[in-house]
Amino acid sequence: MIKEEWLKKGFADEIVDQGIDIKAAIGSLKKEKNAVILAHYYQTGDIQDIADFVGDSLALAQWAAKTKADIIVLCGVHFMGETAKIICPDKKVLVPDLNAGCSLADSCPADKFALFVKEHPDHTVISYVNTTAAVKALTDIVVTSTNAKQIVESFPKDEKIIFGPDRNLGNYINSITNRNMLLWDGACHVHEQFSVEKIVALKKEYPDALILAHPECKGAVLTLADFVGSTAALLKYAVKTDKKNLIIATESGVIHEMRKQCPEKNFIPAPPNDSTCACNECNFMRLNTMKKLYNCLKYEWPTIEVDEEIAKKAIKPIKKMLDISEKLGL
């Protein structure tokens, strides 16, 4: 018997069947239910290893759009599940823990963003994918950190643009495109917390190390970086470079794949300000576990549902993003 009160609280770890091989059981359930597991690079290594596809936000949306599976299990955070459901309204979309939210998405409430947009009626609205479906419904085009630069540059130089919700990414895009987009004042709690002082200390300890940073980081961190890019771009760069020591300023989950592809290299997670821990993890991403993934597949719950009217509006900017990304070869 499913203990509904546990499930609602996200405590699916409590009800996993005892004495089973979870990896094997997940594999059997996938085949039985024609399910596909999509996982973000910020998930724990065991979830990444069992997933059918691991990627960043753009790649997960692209895979959701083309999958033939009946069930999509999105191992990431809530807005990623919403995006998959909007793209695939006829499919059942599951997430291991409904409590896996996003501090960046939370920093941009739809009602307040709607007022902001209303105050600037002559602006094109570009929203980062790290937003709720309701915010996407207020948007002209969605972007990810992989394609934000190219999509912004697809608009005329004199286009008036609102960019939300990440102020750090927006400032970075402004700086490399010579734009003056109007920015919503939001941020990701993980990327806001990197310590400039601790990164400088690491650089002294490893003077030959390259610093790789995600554009959601604060400007002071990006100034120190040898390379700035999306999660997928950081991975690609880490594989390509001949440098052996690499300081990684993004959520530390991506280092799992970096080490798999380059076991001979030394990947050093950039530390946050307020912790003695040598890494920086997203508390929301880490709510997902293998046990919750198993229960999610077994009981086909929790499901992601998106209001029909919101979904009708939100699919338009998402599809624009996918179409432009395809044309650009991203």
C-alpha atoms as a PDB file:
ATOM      1  CA  MET A   1       0.000   0.000   0.000  1.00  0.00           C
ATOM      2  CA  ILE A   2       1.411   3.404  -1.020  1.00  0.00           C
ATOM      3  CA  LYS A   3       1.603   5.760   1.921  1.00  0.00           C
ATOM      4  CA  GLU A   4       0.153   8.815   0.215  1.00  0.00           C
ATOM      5  CA  GLU A   5       1.183  11.204   2.949  1.00  0.00           C
ATOM      6  CA  TRP A   6       4.818  10.183   2.445  1.00  0.00           C
ATOM      7  CA  LEU A   7       4.605  10.605  -1.298  1.00  0.00           C
ATOM      8  CA  LYS A   8       3.082  14.060  -0.999  1.00  0.00           C
ATOM      9  CA  LYS A   9       5.960  15.101   1.218  1.00  0.00           C
ATOM     10  CA  GLY A  10       8.500  13.668  -1.216  1.00  0.00           C
ATOM     11  CA  PHE A  11       9.520  10.880   1.172  1.00  0.00           C
ATOM     12  CA  ALA A  12       9.392   8.124  -1.448  1.00  0.00           C
ATOM     13  CA  ASP A  13      12.685   6.790  -0.046  1.00  0.00           C
ATOM     14  CA  GLU A  14      10.630   5.408   2.849  1.00  0.00           C
ATOM     15  CA  ILE A  15       8.550   2.969   0.824  1.00  0.00           C
ATOM     16  CA  VAL A  16      10.982   1.252  -1.523  1.00  0.00           C
ATOM     17  CA  ASP A  17      10.581  -2.522  -1.629  1.00  0.00           C
ATOM     18  CA  GLN A  18      13.133  -4.227   0.561  1.00  0.00           C
ATOM     19  CA  GLY A  19      15.848  -6.497  -0.769  1.00  0.00           C
ATOM     20  CA  ILE A  20      15.618  -5.607  -4.452  1.00  0.00           C
ATOM     21  CA  ASP A  21      18.303  -4.772  -6.980  1.00  0.00           C
ATOM     22  CA  ILE A  22      17.161  -1.227  -7.728  1.00  0.00           C
ATOM     23  CA  LYS A  23      19.169  -0.842 -10.950  1.00  0.00           C
ATOM     24  CA  ALA A  24      17.800  -4.080 -12.366  1.00  0.00           C
ATOM     25  CA  ALA A  25      14.278  -3.244 -11.200  1.00  0.00           C
ATOM     26  CA  ILE A  26      14.416   0.183 -12.851  1.00  0.00           C
ATOM     27  CA  GLY A  27      15.601  -1.442 -16.076  1.00  0.00           C
ATOM     28  CA  SER A  28      12.693  -3.913 -16.007  1.00  0.00           C
ATOM     29  CA  LEU A  29      10.148  -1.192 -15.269  1.00  0.00           C
ATOM     30  CA  LYS A  30      11.457   0.924 -18.159  1.00  0.00           C
ATOM     31  CA  LYS A  31      10.925  -1.931 -20.622  1.00  0.00           C
ATOM     32  CA  GLU A  32       7.543  -2.887 -19.171  1.00  0.00           C
ATOM     33  CA  LYS A  33       6.194   0.680 -19.317  1.00  0.00           C
ATOM     34  CA  ASN A  34       8.056   1.931 -22.424  1.00  0.00           C
ATOM     35  CA  ALA A  35       9.644   4.643 -20.327  1.00  0.00           C
ATOM     36  CA  VAL A  36      12.725   6.775 -20.905  1.00  0.00           C
ATOM     37  CA  ILE A  37      14.850   8.358 -18.174  1.00  0.00           C
ATOM     38  CA  LEU A  38      16.270  11.805 -18.896  1.00  0.00           C
ATOM     39  CA  ALA A  39      18.730  13.189 -16.346  1.00  0.00           C
ATOM     40  CA  HIS A  40      20.424  16.543 -15.919  1.00  0.00           C
ATOM     41  CA  TYR A  41      24.178  16.765 -15.401  1.00  0.00           C
ATOM     42  CA  TYR A  42      23.508  18.076 -11.894  1.00  0.00           C
ATOM     43  CA  GLN A  43      22.014  14.784 -10.729  1.00  0.00           C
ATOM     44  CA  THR A  44      24.024  12.362  -8.587  1.00  0.00           C
ATOM     45  CA  GLY A  45      26.346  10.001 -10.436  1.00  0.00           C
ATOM     46  CA  ASP A  46      24.209   6.884  -9.900  1.00  0.00           C
ATOM     47  CA  ILE A  47      21.190   8.541 -11.537  1.00  0.00           C
ATOM     48  CA  GLN A  48      23.313   9.824 -14.419  1.00  0.00           C
ATOM     49  CA  ASP A  49      24.688   6.328 -14.969  1.00  0.00           C
ATOM     50  CA  ILE A  50      21.262   4.676 -15.189  1.00  0.00           C
ATOM     51  CA  ALA A  51      19.682   7.374 -17.370  1.00  0.00           C
ATOM     52  CA  ASP A  52      19.005   6.825 -21.065  1.00  0.00           C
ATOM     53  CA  PHE A  53      20.218  10.326 -21.770  1.00  0.00           C
ATOM     54  CA  VAL A  54      22.138  12.886 -19.710  1.00  0.00           C
ATOM     55  CA  GLY A  55      22.292  16.504 -20.780  1.00  0.00           C
ATOM     56  CA  ASP A  56      21.781  20.174 -20.027  1.00  0.00           C
ATOM     57  CA  SER A  57      18.427  21.957 -20.223  1.00  0.00           C
ATOM     58  CA  LEU A  58      18.496  22.427 -24.007  1.00  0.00           C
ATOM     59  CA  ALA A  59      19.464  18.815 -24.677  1.00  0.00           C
ATOM     60  CA  LEU A  60      16.789  17.484 -22.311  1.00  0.00           C
ATOM     61  CA  ALA A  61      14.122  19.532 -24.101  1.00  0.00           C
ATOM     62  CA  GLN A  62      15.386  18.314 -27.475  1.00  0.00           C
ATOM     63  CA  TRP A  63      15.309  14.689 -26.352  1.00  0.00           C
ATOM     64  CA  ALA A  64      11.850  15.051 -24.867  1.00  0.00           C
ATOM     65  CA  ALA A  65      10.627  16.442 -28.189  1.00  0.00           C
ATOM     66  CA  LYS A  66      11.769  13.398 -30.159  1.00  0.00           C
ATOM     67  CA  THR A  67      11.300  10.460 -27.792  1.00  0.00           C
ATOM     68  CA  LYS A  68       8.909   7.640 -28.754  1.00  0.00           C
ATOM     69  CA  ALA A  69       8.487   6.557 -25.132  1.00  0.00           C
ATOM     70  CA  ASP A  70       5.069   6.603 -23.459  1.00  0.00           C
ATOM     71  CA  ILE A  71       6.512   7.796 -20.148  1.00  0.00           C
ATOM     72  CA  ILE A  72       9.237  10.386 -19.590  1.00  0.00           C
ATOM     73  CA  VAL A  73      10.966  10.333 -16.213  1.00  0.00           C
ATOM     74  CA  LEU A  74      12.689  13.681 -15.830  1.00  0.00           C
ATOM     75  CA  CYS A  75      15.455  13.501 -13.239  1.00  0.00           C
ATOM     76  CA  GLY A  76      16.076  17.171 -12.678  1.00  0.00           C
ATOM     77  CA  VAL A  77      13.954  19.933 -11.228  1.00  0.00           C
ATOM     78  CA  HIS A  78      10.285  20.825 -11.569  1.00  0.00           C
ATOM     79  CA  PHE A  79      10.528  23.347 -14.421  1.00  0.00           C
ATOM     80  CA  MET A  80      12.330  20.735 -16.550  1.00  0.00           C
ATOM     81  CA  GLY A  81       9.417  18.360 -16.044  1.00  0.00           C
ATOM     82  CA  GLU A  82       7.003  21.150 -16.984  1.00  0.00           C
ATOM     83  CA  THR A  83       8.953  21.869 -20.166  1.00  0.00           C
ATOM     84  CA  ALA A  84       8.866  18.181 -21.142  1.00  0.00           C
ATOM     85  CA  LYS A  85       5.103  18.028 -20.477  1.00  0.00           C
ATOM     86  CA  ILE A  86       4.451  21.143 -22.558  1.00  0.00           C
ATOM     87  CA  ILE A  87       6.460  19.685 -25.441  1.00  0.00           C
ATOM     88  CA  CYS A  88       4.841  16.239 -25.060  1.00  0.00           C
ATOM     89  CA  PRO A  89       1.272  16.796 -23.806  1.00  0.00           C
ATOM     90  CA  ASP A  90       0.236  13.268 -24.831  1.00  0.00           C
ATOM     91  CA  LYS A  91       2.930  11.612 -22.708  1.00  0.00           C
ATOM     92  CA  LYS A  92       3.027  10.941 -19.000  1.00  0.00           C
ATOM     93  CA  VAL A  93       5.844  12.969 -17.440  1.00  0.00           C
ATOM     94  CA  LEU A  94       7.128  11.916 -14.028  1.00  0.00           C
ATOM     95  CA  VAL A  95       9.633  13.412 -11.608  1.00  0.00           C
ATOM     96  CA  PRO A  96      11.130  11.479  -8.683  1.00  0.00           C
ATOM     97  CA  ASP A  97      10.380  14.271  -6.188  1.00  0.00           C
ATOM     98  CA  LEU A  98       7.914  17.126  -6.709  1.00  0.00           C
ATOM     99  CA  ASN A  99       9.831  19.151  -4.117  1.00  0.00           C
ATOM    100  CA  ALA A 100      12.776  19.450  -6.508  1.00  0.00           C
ATOM    101  CA  GLY A 101      12.179  23.092  -7.358  1.00  0.00           C
ATOM    102  CA  CYS A 102      14.564  25.788  -8.541  1.00  0.00           C
ATOM    103  CA  SER A 103      15.725  28.889  -6.691  1.00  0.00           C
ATOM    104  CA  LEU A 104      16.113  30.766  -9.977  1.00  0.00           C
ATOM    105  CA  ALA A 105      12.587  29.931 -11.137  1.00  0.00           C
ATOM    106  CA  ASP A 106      11.301  30.861  -7.666  1.00  0.00           C
ATOM    107  CA  SER A 107      13.008  34.254  -7.943  1.00  0.00           C
ATOM    108  CA  CYS A 108      10.623  35.163 -10.775  1.00  0.00           C
ATOM    109  CA  PRO A 109       6.964  34.819  -9.693  1.00  0.00           C
ATOM    110  CA  ALA A 110       4.651  34.899 -12.720  1.00  0.00           C
ATOM    111  CA  ASP A 111       2.337  37.579 -11.307  1.00  0.00           C
ATOM    112  CA  LYS A 112       5.196  39.976 -10.601  1.00  0.00           C
ATOM    113  CA  PHE A 113       6.877  39.239 -13.922  1.00  0.00           C
ATOM    114  CA  ALA A 114       3.561  39.913 -15.712  1.00  0.00           C
ATOM    115  CA  LEU A 115       3.441  43.386 -14.128  1.00  0.00           C
ATOM    116  CA  PHE A 116       7.069  43.998 -15.137  1.00  0.00           C
ATOM    117  CA  VAL A 117       6.287  43.040 -18.742  1.00  0.00           C
ATOM    118  CA  LYS A 118       3.157  45.228 -18.718  1.00  0.00           C
ATOM    119  CA  GLU A 119       5.247  48.206 -17.612  1.00  0.00           C
ATOM    120  CA  HIS A 120       7.444  47.776 -20.711  1.00  0.00           C
ATOM    121  CA  PRO A 121       4.964  46.997 -23.521  1.00  0.00           C
ATOM    122  CA  ASP A 122       7.394  47.821 -26.334  1.00  0.00           C
ATOM    123  CA  HIS A 123       9.900  45.132 -25.271  1.00  0.00           C
ATOM    124  CA  THR A 124      10.458  41.631 -26.625  1.00  0.00           C
ATOM    125  CA  VAL A 125      10.447  39.174 -23.721  1.00  0.00           C
ATOM    126  CA  ILE A 126      13.221  36.589 -23.568  1.00  0.00           C
ATOM    127  CA  SER A 127      13.033  34.142 -20.681  1.00  0.00           C
ATOM    128  CA  TYR A 128      15.634  31.684 -19.513  1.00  0.00           C
ATOM    129  CA  VAL A 129      14.436  28.082 -19.513  1.00  0.00           C
ATOM    130  CA  ASN A 130      14.859  28.077 -15.706  1.00  0.00           C
ATOM    131  CA  THR A 131      11.367  29.483 -15.227  1.00  0.00           C
ATOM    132  CA  THR A 132       7.900  28.164 -14.481  1.00  0.00           C
ATOM    133  CA  ALA A 133       5.446  27.346 -17.260  1.00  0.00           C
ATOM    134  CA  ALA A 134       3.446  30.423 -16.241  1.00  0.00           C
ATOM    135  CA  VAL A 135       6.449  32.694 -16.882  1.00  0.00           C
ATOM    136  CA  LYS A 136       7.138  30.982 -20.206  1.00  0.00           C
ATOM    137  CA  ALA A 137       3.540  31.774 -21.147  1.00  0.00           C
ATOM    138  CA  LEU A 138       4.405  35.483 -20.810  1.00  0.00           C
ATOM    139  CA  THR A 139       7.451  35.088 -23.031  1.00  0.00           C
ATOM    140  CA  ASP A 140       8.222  35.640 -26.724  1.00  0.00           C
ATOM    141  CA  ILE A 141      11.125  33.199 -26.851  1.00  0.00           C
ATOM    142  CA  VAL A 142      12.834  30.888 -24.368  1.00  0.00           C
ATOM    143  CA  VAL A 143      16.614  30.466 -24.210  1.00  0.00           C
ATOM    144  CA  THR A 144      19.123  28.289 -22.422  1.00  0.00           C
ATOM    145  CA  SER A 145      22.705  29.135 -21.535  1.00  0.00           C
ATOM    146  CA  THR A 146      23.744  27.130 -24.621  1.00  0.00           C
ATOM    147  CA  ASN A 147      21.835  29.270 -27.105  1.00  0.00           C
ATOM    148  CA  ALA A 148      21.161  32.593 -25.326  1.00  0.00           C
ATOM    149  CA  LYS A 149      23.914  34.528 -27.130  1.00  0.00           C
ATOM    150  CA  GLN A 150      22.876  33.339 -30.584  1.00  0.00           C
ATOM    151  CA  ILE A 151      19.176  33.932 -29.985  1.00  0.00           C
ATOM    152  CA  VAL A 152      19.738  37.432 -28.603  1.00  0.00           C
ATOM    153  CA  GLU A 153      21.942  38.224 -31.601  1.00  0.00           C
ATOM    154  CA  SER A 154      19.169  37.062 -33.949  1.00  0.00           C
ATOM    155  CA  PHE A 155      17.256  40.224 -32.998  1.00  0.00           C
ATOM    156  CA  PRO A 156      18.121  43.670 -34.447  1.00  0.00           C
ATOM    157  CA  LYS A 157      20.687  45.663 -32.494  1.00  0.00           C
ATOM    158  CA  ASP A 158      18.088  48.254 -31.534  1.00  0.00           C
ATOM    159  CA  GLU A 159      15.512  45.702 -30.324  1.00  0.00           C
ATOM    160  CA  LYS A 160      14.255  46.499 -26.847  1.00  0.00           C
ATOM    161  CA  ILE A 161      14.489  43.300 -24.820  1.00  0.00           C
ATOM    162  CA  ILE A 162      13.451  42.136 -21.378  1.00  0.00           C
ATOM    163  CA  PHE A 163      15.649  39.268 -20.196  1.00  0.00           C
ATOM    164  CA  GLY A 164      14.703  37.219 -17.167  1.00  0.00           C
ATOM    165  CA  PRO A 165      15.134  35.916 -14.637  1.00  0.00           C
ATOM    166  CA  ASP A 166      18.906  35.472 -14.223  1.00  0.00           C
ATOM    167  CA  ARG A 167      20.658  38.821 -13.843  1.00  0.00           C
ATOM    168  CA  ASN A 168      24.117  37.247 -14.014  1.00  0.00           C
ATOM    169  CA  LEU A 169      23.449  35.465 -17.299  1.00  0.00           C
ATOM    170  CA  GLY A 170      21.727  38.589 -18.611  1.00  0.00           C
ATOM    171  CA  ASN A 171      24.686  40.793 -17.703  1.00  0.00           C
ATOM    172  CA  TYR A 172      27.049  38.332 -19.345  1.00  0.00           C
ATOM    173  CA  ILE A 173      24.995  38.210 -22.553  1.00  0.00           C
ATOM    174  CA  ASN A 174      24.818  42.012 -22.568  1.00  0.00           C
ATOM    175  CA  SER A 175      28.611  42.194 -22.258  1.00  0.00           C
ATOM    176  CA  ILE A 176      29.385  39.802 -25.129  1.00  0.00           C
ATOM    177  CA  THR A 177      26.670  41.049 -27.510  1.00  0.00           C
ATOM    178  CA  ASN A 178      26.988  44.772 -26.742  1.00  0.00           C
ATOM    179  CA  ARG A 179      23.306  44.912 -25.841  1.00  0.00           C
ATOM    180  CA  ASN A 180      21.462  46.732 -23.107  1.00  0.00           C
ATOM    181  CA  MET A 181      18.693  44.288 -22.247  1.00  0.00           C
ATOM    182  CA  LEU A 182      16.439  45.151 -19.342  1.00  0.00           C
ATOM    183  CA  LEU A 183      17.126  42.488 -16.709  1.00  0.00           C
ATOM    184  CA  TRP A 184      14.885  40.837 -14.136  1.00  0.00           C
ATOM    185  CA  ASP A 185      16.645  40.668 -10.769  1.00  0.00           C
ATOM    186  CA  GLY A 186      16.844  36.903 -10.179  1.00  0.00           C
ATOM    187  CA  ALA A 187      19.654  34.448  -9.545  1.00  0.00           C
ATOM    188  CA  CYS A 188      20.546  30.800  -8.922  1.00  0.00           C
ATOM    189  CA  HIS A 189      21.511  30.054  -5.320  1.00  0.00           C
ATOM    190  CA  VAL A 190      24.280  27.672  -6.418  1.00  0.00           C
ATOM    191  CA  HIS A 191      26.012  29.994  -8.868  1.00  0.00           C
ATOM    192  CA  GLU A 192      25.579  33.028  -6.614  1.00  0.00           C
ATOM    193  CA  GLN A 193      27.525  31.342  -3.821  1.00  0.00           C
ATOM    194  CA  PHE A 194      30.902  30.736  -5.443  1.00  0.00           C
ATOM    195  CA  SER A 195      33.683  32.386  -3.478  1.00  0.00           C
ATOM    196  CA  VAL A 196      36.043  34.601  -5.441  1.00  0.00           C
ATOM    197  CA  GLU A 197      38.580  34.441  -2.611  1.00  0.00           C
ATOM    198  CA  LYS A 198      38.529  30.639  -2.462  1.00  0.00           C
ATOM    199  CA  ILE A 199      38.843  30.353  -6.237  1.00  0.00           C
ATOM    200  CA  VAL A 200      41.852  32.697  -6.148  1.00  0.00           C
ATOM    201  CA  ALA A 201      43.360  30.510  -3.392  1.00  0.00           C
ATOM    202  CA  LEU A 202      42.797  27.385  -5.515  1.00  0.00           C
ATOM    203  CA  LYS A 203      44.485  29.098  -8.456  1.00  0.00           C
ATOM    204  CA  LYS A 204      47.535  29.767  -6.273  1.00  0.00           C
ATOM    205  CA  GLU A 205      47.553  26.108  -5.242  1.00  0.00           C
ATOM    206  CA  TYR A 206      47.198  24.996  -8.867  1.00  0.00           C
ATOM    207  CA  PRO A 207      48.827  27.832 -10.865  1.00  0.00           C
ATOM    208  CA  ASP A 208      48.548  25.939 -14.155  1.00  0.00           C
ATOM    209  CA  ALA A 209      44.830  25.199 -13.693  1.00  0.00           C
ATOM    210  CA  LEU A 210      42.167  26.613 -15.973  1.00  0.00           C
ATOM    211  CA  ILE A 211      39.011  28.065 -14.444  1.00  0.00           C
ATOM    212  CA  LEU A 212      35.794  27.023 -16.205  1.00  0.00           C
ATOM    213  CA  ALA A 213      32.644  28.913 -15.174  1.00  0.00           C
ATOM    214  CA  HIS A 214      28.942  28.881 -15.957  1.00  0.00           C
ATOM    215  CA  PRO A 215      27.502  32.274 -17.023  1.00  0.00           C
ATOM    216  CA  GLU A 216      25.033  32.163 -14.104  1.00  0.00           C
ATOM    217  CA  CYS A 217      28.030  32.950 -11.861  1.00  0.00           C
ATOM    218  CA  LYS A 218      28.590  36.471 -10.585  1.00  0.00           C
ATOM    219  CA  GLY A 219      30.612  38.834 -12.751  1.00  0.00           C
ATOM    220  CA  ALA A 220      33.646  38.703 -10.439  1.00  0.00           C
ATOM    221  CA  VAL A 221      33.864  34.926 -10.909  1.00  0.00           C
ATOM    222  CA  LEU A 222      33.443  35.207 -14.683  1.00  0.00           C
ATOM    223  CA  THR A 223      36.289  37.733 -14.773  1.00  0.00           C
ATOM    224  CA  LEU A 224      38.591  35.081 -13.288  1.00  0.00           C
ATOM    225  CA  ALA A 225      37.461  32.388 -15.731  1.00  0.00           C
ATOM    226  CA  ASP A 226      39.520  31.129 -18.645  1.00  0.00           C
ATOM    227  CA  PHE A 227      36.355  29.801 -20.278  1.00  0.00           C
ATOM    228  CA  VAL A 228      32.681  30.655 -19.760  1.00  0.00           C
ATOM    229  CA  GLY A 229      29.953  28.398 -21.096  1.00  0.00           C
ATOM    230  CA  SER A 230      26.836  26.339 -20.547  1.00  0.00           C
ATOM    231  CA  THR A 231      27.027  23.047 -18.685  1.00  0.00           C
ATOM    232  CA  ALA A 232      27.389  21.154 -21.967  1.00  0.00           C
ATOM    233  CA  ALA A 233      29.982  23.640 -23.231  1.00  0.00           C
ATOM    234  CA  LEU A 234      32.030  23.320 -20.025  1.00  0.00           C
ATOM    235  CA  LEU A 235      32.026  19.537 -20.435  1.00  0.00           C
ATOM    236  CA  LYS A 236      33.077  19.772 -24.069  1.00  0.00           C
ATOM    237  CA  TYR A 237      35.865  22.219 -23.235  1.00  0.00           C
ATOM    238  CA  ALA A 238      37.101  20.085 -20.342  1.00  0.00           C
ATOM    239  CA  VAL A 239      37.401  17.091 -22.657  1.00  0.00           C
ATOM    240  CA  LYS A 240      39.102  19.063 -25.417  1.00  0.00           C
ATOM    241  CA  THR A 241      41.739  20.972 -23.430  1.00  0.00           C
ATOM    242  CA  ASP A 242      45.176  19.470 -22.843  1.00  0.00           C
ATOM    243  CA  LYS A 243      45.363  21.035 -19.379  1.00  0.00           C
ATOM    244  CA  LYS A 244      45.313  18.499 -16.548  1.00  0.00           C
ATOM    245  CA  ASN A 245      44.032  20.687 -13.702  1.00  0.00           C
ATOM    246  CA  LEU A 246      40.619  22.284 -14.115  1.00  0.00           C
ATOM    247  CA  ILE A 247      38.683  24.344 -11.547  1.00  0.00           C
ATOM    248  CA  ILE A 248      34.961  23.948 -12.230  1.00  0.00           C
ATOM    249  CA  ALA A 249      32.615  26.787 -11.201  1.00  0.00           C
ATOM    250  CA  THR A 250      29.195  25.255 -11.677  1.00  0.00           C
ATOM    251  CA  GLU A 251      27.084  22.661  -9.861  1.00  0.00           C
ATOM    252  CA  SER A 252      29.497  19.848  -9.038  1.00  0.00           C
ATOM    253  CA  GLY A 253      27.321  17.073 -10.493  1.00  0.00           C
ATOM    254  CA  VAL A 254      28.776  17.689 -13.955  1.00  0.00           C
ATOM    255  CA  ILE A 255      32.201  16.604 -12.683  1.00  0.00           C
ATOM    256  CA  HIS A 256      30.908  13.006 -12.661  1.00  0.00           C
ATOM    257  CA  GLU A 257      30.710  12.996 -16.463  1.00  0.00           C
ATOM    258  CA  MET A 258      33.953  14.947 -16.797  1.00  0.00           C
ATOM    259  CA  ARG A 259      35.789  12.296 -14.792  1.00  0.00           C
ATOM    260  CA  LYS A 260      34.170   9.505 -16.799  1.00  0.00           C
ATOM    261  CA  GLN A 261      35.362  11.023 -20.058  1.00  0.00           C
ATOM    262  CA  CYS A 262      38.752  12.219 -18.772  1.00  0.00           C
ATOM    263  CA  PRO A 263      39.880  10.046 -15.847  1.00  0.00           C
ATOM    264  CA  GLU A 264      43.447  11.288 -16.220  1.00  0.00           C
ATOM    265  CA  LYS A 265      42.502  14.893 -15.436  1.00  0.00           C
ATOM    266  CA  ASN A 266      42.082  16.574 -12.063  1.00  0.00           C
ATOM    267  CA  PHE A 267      38.696  18.284 -11.751  1.00  0.00           C
ATOM    268  CA  ILE A 268      38.534  20.646  -8.791  1.00  0.00           C
ATOM    269  CA  PRO A 269      35.086  21.917  -7.734  1.00  0.00           C
ATOM    270  CA  ALA A 270      35.033  25.626  -6.976  1.00  0.00           C
ATOM    271  CA  PRO A 271      33.874  26.096  -3.363  1.00  0.00           C
ATOM    272  CA  PRO A 272      31.010  28.281  -2.134  1.00  0.00           C
ATOM    273  CA  ASN A 273      31.301  31.152   0.321  1.00  0.00           C
ATOM    274  CA  ASP A 274      29.392  29.783   3.270  1.00  0.00           C
ATOM    275  CA  SER A 275      30.688  26.244   3.591  1.00  0.00           C
ATOM    276  CA  THR A 276      33.811  24.325   4.447  1.00  0.00           C
ATOM    277  CA  CYS A 277      32.723  21.806   1.801  1.00  0.00           C
ATOM    278  CA  ALA A 278      34.956  21.736  -1.267  1.00  0.00           C
ATOM    279  CA  CYS A 279      31.988  21.600  -3.652  1.00  0.00           C
ATOM    280  CA  ASN A 280      28.781  23.434  -4.454  1.00  0.00           C
ATOM    281  CA  GLU A 281      25.621  21.343  -4.869  1.00  0.00           C
ATOM    282  CA  CYS A 282      22.022  22.215  -5.729  1.00  0.00           C
ATOM    283  CA  ASN A 283      19.863  21.182  -2.798  1.00  0.00           C
ATOM    284  CA  PHE A 284      16.859  20.778  -5.088  1.00  0.00           C
ATOM    285  CA  MET A 285      18.622  18.581  -7.641  1.00  0.00           C
ATOM    286  CA  ARG A 286      19.872  16.317  -4.864  1.00  0.00           C
ATOM    287  CA  LEU A 287      16.341  15.599  -3.631  1.00  0.00           C
ATOM    288  CA  ASN A 288      16.112  13.002  -6.400  1.00  0.00           C
ATOM    289  CA  THR A 289      17.473   9.571  -5.418  1.00  0.00           C
ATOM    290  CA  MET A 290      17.621   6.111  -6.925  1.00  0.00           C
ATOM    291  CA  LYS A 291      14.918   4.891  -4.532  1.00  0.00           C
ATOM    292  CA  LYS A 292      12.625   7.746  -5.497  1.00  0.00           C
ATOM    293  CA  LEU A 293      13.341   7.047  -9.165  1.00  0.00           C
ATOM    294  CA  TYR A 294      12.341   3.404  -8.658  1.00  0.00           C
ATOM    295  CA  ASN A 295       9.115   4.315  -6.844  1.00  0.00           C
ATOM    296  CA  CYS A 296       8.343   6.982  -9.409  1.00  0.00           C
ATOM    297  CA  LEU A 297       8.476   4.400 -12.194  1.00  0.00           C
ATOM    298  CA  LYS A 298       6.701   1.689 -10.230  1.00  0.00           C
ATOM    299  CA  TYR A 299       3.723   3.808  -9.178  1.00  0.00           C
ATOM    300  CA  GLU A 300       3.865   6.282 -12.106  1.00  0.00           C
ATOM    301  CA  TRP A 301       3.768   9.151  -9.628  1.00  0.00           C
ATOM    302  CA  PRO A 302       4.419  12.047  -9.073  1.00  0.00           C
ATOM    303  CA  THR A 303       3.152  13.296 -12.429  1.00  0.00           C
ATOM    304  CA  ILE A 304       3.719  16.730 -13.907  1.00  0.00           C
ATOM    305  CA  GLU A 305       0.582  18.548 -15.008  1.00  0.00           C
ATOM    306  CA  VAL A 306       0.440  21.943 -16.699  1.00  0.00           C
ATOM    307  CA  ASP A 307      -2.665  24.074 -17.041  1.00  0.00           C
ATOM    308  CA  GLU A 308      -3.966  23.721 -20.597  1.00  0.00           C
ATOM    309  CA  GLU A 309      -4.212  27.453 -21.306  1.00  0.00           C
ATOM    310  CA  ILE A 310      -0.733  28.108 -19.914  1.00  0.00           C
ATOM    311  CA  ALA A 311       0.662  25.214 -21.935  1.00  0.00           C
ATOM    312  CA  LYS A 312      -0.881  26.573 -25.163  1.00  0.00           C
ATOM    313  CA  LYS A 313       0.909  29.877 -24.619  1.00  0.00           C
ATOM    314  CA  ALA A 314       4.177  28.419 -23.301  1.00  0.00           C
ATOM    315  CA  ILE A 315       4.693  25.978 -26.179  1.00  0.00           C
ATOM    316  CA  LYS A 316       5.136  28.839 -28.651  1.00  0.00           C
ATOM    317  CA  PRO A 317       8.334  30.357 -27.156  1.00  0.00           C
ATOM    318  CA  ILE A 318       9.701  26.882 -26.396  1.00  0.00           C
ATOM    319  CA  LYS A 319       9.165  25.767 -29.990  1.00  0.00           C
ATOM    320  CA  LYS A 320      10.830  28.955 -31.242  1.00  0.00           C
ATOM    321  CA  MET A 321      13.862  28.078 -29.117  1.00  0.00           C
ATOM    322  CA  LEU A 322      14.003  24.518 -30.454  1.00  0.00           C
ATOM    323  CA  ASP A 323      13.582  25.658 -34.064  1.00  0.00           C
ATOM    324  CA  ILE A 324      16.285  28.331 -33.841  1.00  0.00           C
ATOM    325  CA  SER A 325      18.638  25.953 -32.034  1.00  0.00           C
ATOM    326  CA  GLU A 326      18.170  23.397 -34.789  1.00  0.00           C
ATOM    327  CA  LYS A 327      18.898  25.969 -37.486  1.00  0.00           C
ATOM    328  CA  LEU A 328      22.019  27.065 -35.607  1.00  0.00           C
ATOM    329  CA  GLY A 329      23.180  23.465 -35.159  1.00  0.00           C
ATOM    330  CA  LEU A 330      23.055  23.672 -31.376  1.00  0.00           C
END
